[in-house]
Protein backbone atom coordinates (compact mmCIF):
# COMPACT_ATOMS: atom_id res chain seq x y z
CA MET A 1 -13.38 -15.77 -20.43
CA GLN A 2 -16.66 -14.13 -19.57
CA ARG A 3 -17.23 -11.69 -16.74
CA TRP A 4 -19.37 -12.29 -13.71
CA LYS A 5 -22.33 -9.92 -13.46
CA THR A 6 -23.44 -8.12 -10.32
CA SER A 7 -27.25 -8.16 -10.28
CA SER A 8 -27.58 -6.20 -7.04
CA GLN A 9 -25.65 -5.07 -4.02
CA GLU A 10 -26.67 -4.18 -0.48
CA THR A 11 -24.61 -2.46 2.19
CA ILE A 12 -24.51 -4.65 5.31
CA LEU A 13 -22.10 -2.51 7.34
CA ASP A 14 -21.04 1.10 6.75
CA HIS A 15 -18.52 1.39 9.55
CA ASN A 16 -16.60 4.54 8.55
CA LYS A 17 -14.63 5.89 5.61
CA PHE A 18 -12.25 2.94 5.93
CA LEU A 19 -14.69 0.02 5.67
CA ARG A 20 -18.00 -0.84 4.09
CA VAL A 21 -19.18 -4.44 3.77
CA GLU A 22 -21.62 -5.29 1.00
CA GLN A 23 -23.53 -8.37 -0.06
CA HIS A 24 -23.70 -8.84 -3.83
CA VAL A 25 -25.95 -11.05 -5.91
CA VAL A 26 -23.66 -12.38 -8.63
CA THR A 27 -24.52 -14.27 -11.82
CA LEU A 28 -21.80 -16.54 -13.23
CA PRO A 29 -21.33 -17.03 -16.99
CA ASP A 30 -23.10 -20.41 -16.81
CA GLY A 31 -26.18 -18.76 -15.26
CA THR A 32 -25.52 -19.86 -11.68
CA VAL A 33 -26.68 -17.18 -9.23
CA ILE A 34 -24.82 -16.62 -5.96
CA GLU A 35 -27.15 -14.76 -3.62
CA ASP A 36 -24.69 -13.78 -0.87
CA TRP A 37 -21.28 -12.85 -2.28
CA PRO A 38 -19.43 -10.75 0.34
CA TRP A 39 -17.61 -7.63 -0.83
CA LEU A 40 -15.26 -5.35 1.10
CA ASP A 41 -15.21 -1.72 0.02
CA MET A 42 -12.05 -0.09 1.33
CA PRO A 43 -10.08 2.95 0.14
CA ASP A 44 -7.20 2.59 -2.28
CA TYR A 45 -3.79 3.14 -0.74
CA VAL A 46 -0.17 3.91 -1.63
CA ASN A 47 3.11 2.41 -0.46
CA VAL A 48 6.38 4.18 -1.24
CA VAL A 49 9.87 2.70 -1.29
CA VAL A 50 12.21 5.63 -0.73
CA GLU A 51 15.82 5.89 -1.89
CA THR A 52 17.56 8.95 -0.48
CA GLU A 53 20.10 11.18 -2.19
CA ASN A 54 22.91 9.24 -0.51
CA GLY A 55 21.60 5.84 -1.65
CA ARG A 56 20.01 4.74 1.63
CA PHE A 57 16.48 3.33 1.84
CA LEU A 58 14.01 4.88 4.26
CA PHE A 59 11.69 2.57 6.20
CA PHE A 60 9.87 2.47 9.50
CA ARG A 61 10.10 -0.11 12.22
CA GLN A 62 6.72 -0.27 13.95
CA PHE A 63 4.20 -2.50 15.66
CA LYS A 64 1.16 -3.19 13.43
CA TYR A 65 -2.02 -4.35 15.12
CA GLY A 66 -3.15 -6.48 12.17
CA VAL A 67 0.22 -8.24 12.05
CA GLY A 68 0.51 -8.60 15.81
CA GLU A 69 4.21 -7.84 15.92
CA VAL A 70 6.93 -5.40 14.95
CA THR A 71 7.60 -5.13 11.22
CA LEU A 72 9.52 -3.04 8.75
CA ALA A 73 7.19 -0.76 6.81
CA THR A 74 7.18 1.66 3.91
CA PRO A 75 5.69 5.14 4.09
CA GLY A 76 2.16 5.21 2.74
CA GLY A 77 -1.50 5.55 3.44
CA TYR A 78 -4.99 5.88 2.03
CA LEU A 79 -5.93 8.10 -0.89
CA GLU A 80 -8.24 10.99 -0.08
CA PRO A 81 -11.49 11.11 -2.12
CA GLY A 82 -10.66 12.22 -5.67
CA GLU A 83 -6.90 12.14 -5.06
CA GLU A 84 -4.60 10.65 -7.69
CA PRO A 85 -2.23 7.88 -6.50
CA LEU A 86 0.98 9.80 -7.28
CA SER A 87 -0.29 12.86 -5.40
CA ALA A 88 -1.21 10.67 -2.45
CA ALA A 89 2.24 9.05 -2.49
CA GLN A 90 3.95 12.44 -2.52
CA ARG A 91 1.67 13.74 0.26
CA GLU A 92 2.17 10.66 2.45
CA LEU A 93 5.95 10.75 1.99
CA LEU A 94 6.12 14.38 3.09
CA GLU A 95 3.67 13.96 5.99
CA GLU A 96 5.19 10.80 7.42
CA THR A 97 8.89 11.50 6.86
CA GLY A 98 9.39 15.16 5.93
CA TYR A 99 11.05 13.98 2.69
CA GLU A 100 10.38 14.88 -0.92
CA ALA A 101 11.74 13.03 -3.94
CA ALA A 102 12.97 14.30 -7.29
CA GLU A 103 12.12 11.16 -9.26
CA TRP A 104 9.06 8.90 -9.07
CA HIS A 105 8.45 5.46 -10.59
CA HIS A 106 5.04 3.80 -10.54
CA LEU A 107 5.65 0.13 -9.72
CA GLY A 108 2.10 -1.00 -10.41
CA SER A 109 -1.41 -1.05 -9.01
CA PHE A 110 -2.74 -4.26 -7.48
CA VAL A 111 -6.14 -5.33 -6.17
CA VAL A 112 -5.86 -6.54 -2.58
CA ASP A 113 -8.28 -9.48 -2.82
CA GLY A 114 -9.19 -10.91 -6.22
CA ASN A 115 -12.56 -12.19 -5.02
CA ARG A 116 -13.64 -9.75 -2.32
CA GLY A 117 -12.26 -6.36 -3.40
CA ALA A 118 -10.72 -4.58 -0.38
CA GLY A 119 -9.22 -1.74 -2.41
CA THR A 120 -6.24 -1.31 -4.69
CA GLY A 121 -2.64 -0.75 -3.66
CA HIS A 122 -0.59 1.68 -5.75
CA LEU A 123 3.13 1.08 -5.30
CA PHE A 124 5.87 3.63 -5.97
CA LEU A 125 9.63 4.05 -5.90
CA ALA A 126 10.74 7.56 -4.91
CA ARG A 127 14.36 8.37 -5.75
CA TRP A 128 16.77 11.14 -4.83
CA ALA A 129 14.75 11.88 -1.71
CA ARG A 130 15.84 14.51 0.79
CA GLN A 131 14.38 15.75 4.02
CA ILE A 132 12.85 19.23 3.73
CA ALA A 133 10.53 19.33 6.75
CA THR A 134 9.76 17.79 10.09
CA PRO A 135 7.43 14.77 9.82
CA ASN A 136 3.80 15.57 10.61
CA ALA A 137 2.22 12.13 10.61
CA ASP A 138 -1.08 11.38 12.27
CA ASP A 139 -0.31 7.66 12.48
CA LEU A 140 -1.41 5.85 15.60
CA GLU A 141 1.60 3.56 15.66
CA GLU A 142 4.83 4.33 17.44
CA GLN A 143 7.47 4.16 14.74
CA GLU A 144 11.21 4.46 14.30
CA MET A 145 12.55 5.83 11.01
CA LEU A 146 15.45 3.82 9.60
CA LEU A 147 17.93 4.49 6.80
CA LEU A 148 19.17 1.15 5.46
CA THR A 149 21.81 0.20 2.91
CA ARG A 150 20.83 -1.93 -0.07
CA ALA A 151 22.49 -4.94 1.60
CA GLU A 152 20.48 -4.34 4.78
CA VAL A 153 17.25 -4.15 2.73
CA GLU A 154 18.06 -7.43 1.00
CA THR A 155 18.77 -9.05 4.38
CA ALA A 156 15.48 -7.69 5.72
CA VAL A 157 13.67 -9.24 2.74
CA SER A 158 15.33 -12.62 3.13
CA THR A 159 14.75 -12.71 6.91
CA HIS A 160 11.03 -11.83 6.56
CA GLN A 161 11.20 -8.47 8.35
CA PHE A 162 8.50 -7.01 6.04
CA LYS A 163 5.38 -8.69 7.43
CA LEU A 164 2.83 -7.12 5.07
CA MET A 165 2.56 -8.44 1.53
CA SER A 166 2.14 -5.01 -0.07
CA TRP A 167 5.30 -3.70 1.60
CA LEU A 168 7.31 -6.73 0.55
CA THR A 169 5.95 -6.51 -2.99
CA ALA A 170 6.82 -2.81 -3.22
CA VAL A 171 10.36 -3.45 -1.97
CA LEU A 172 10.97 -6.31 -4.42
CA LEU A 173 9.57 -4.34 -7.36
CA ALA A 174 11.66 -1.30 -6.38
CA LEU A 175 14.86 -3.35 -6.21
CA ARG A 176 14.04 -4.92 -9.57
CA THR A 177 13.41 -1.48 -11.06
CA LEU A 178 16.73 -0.18 -9.72
CA ASP A 179 18.55 -3.23 -11.13
CA SER A 180 17.08 -2.64 -14.58
CA GLN A 181 18.27 0.97 -14.83
């Protein structure tokens, strides 16, 4: 399979550090030129599934504007410029929950939209986590921290309580990783 080639790109909207919209001119392998291919430039992010020292799983229950309802959520957030994904995951875990973890597993990195970009999600499993500080999150959402059993997590998965695909993917990959150890 041959790659598509970007001949040029123009920024249409530079809203803030969280969103830039571009228009690309793309040439397909057969020579077809697409003059107005939209591209979303968004920061990469991390999502962390957290297993505590006592075998509970730490999640948030919160309202998410983009979802339009209350959902279960993992800790996570955007990478800072130049920040490595693992460092961002460790920083976000500490900021949002006050927890640190002794063991980290990278569950994979996944592009959000295969045709339009929109950043890359880096998913992690943090194990043997314990609270060492008071949370210092700057999140806009009101959130409730929950400690769930494995059975409660599996029920939450099967009853569609994780409304964001990246959170659900992280949870399923984390459970699979735990089962394989």
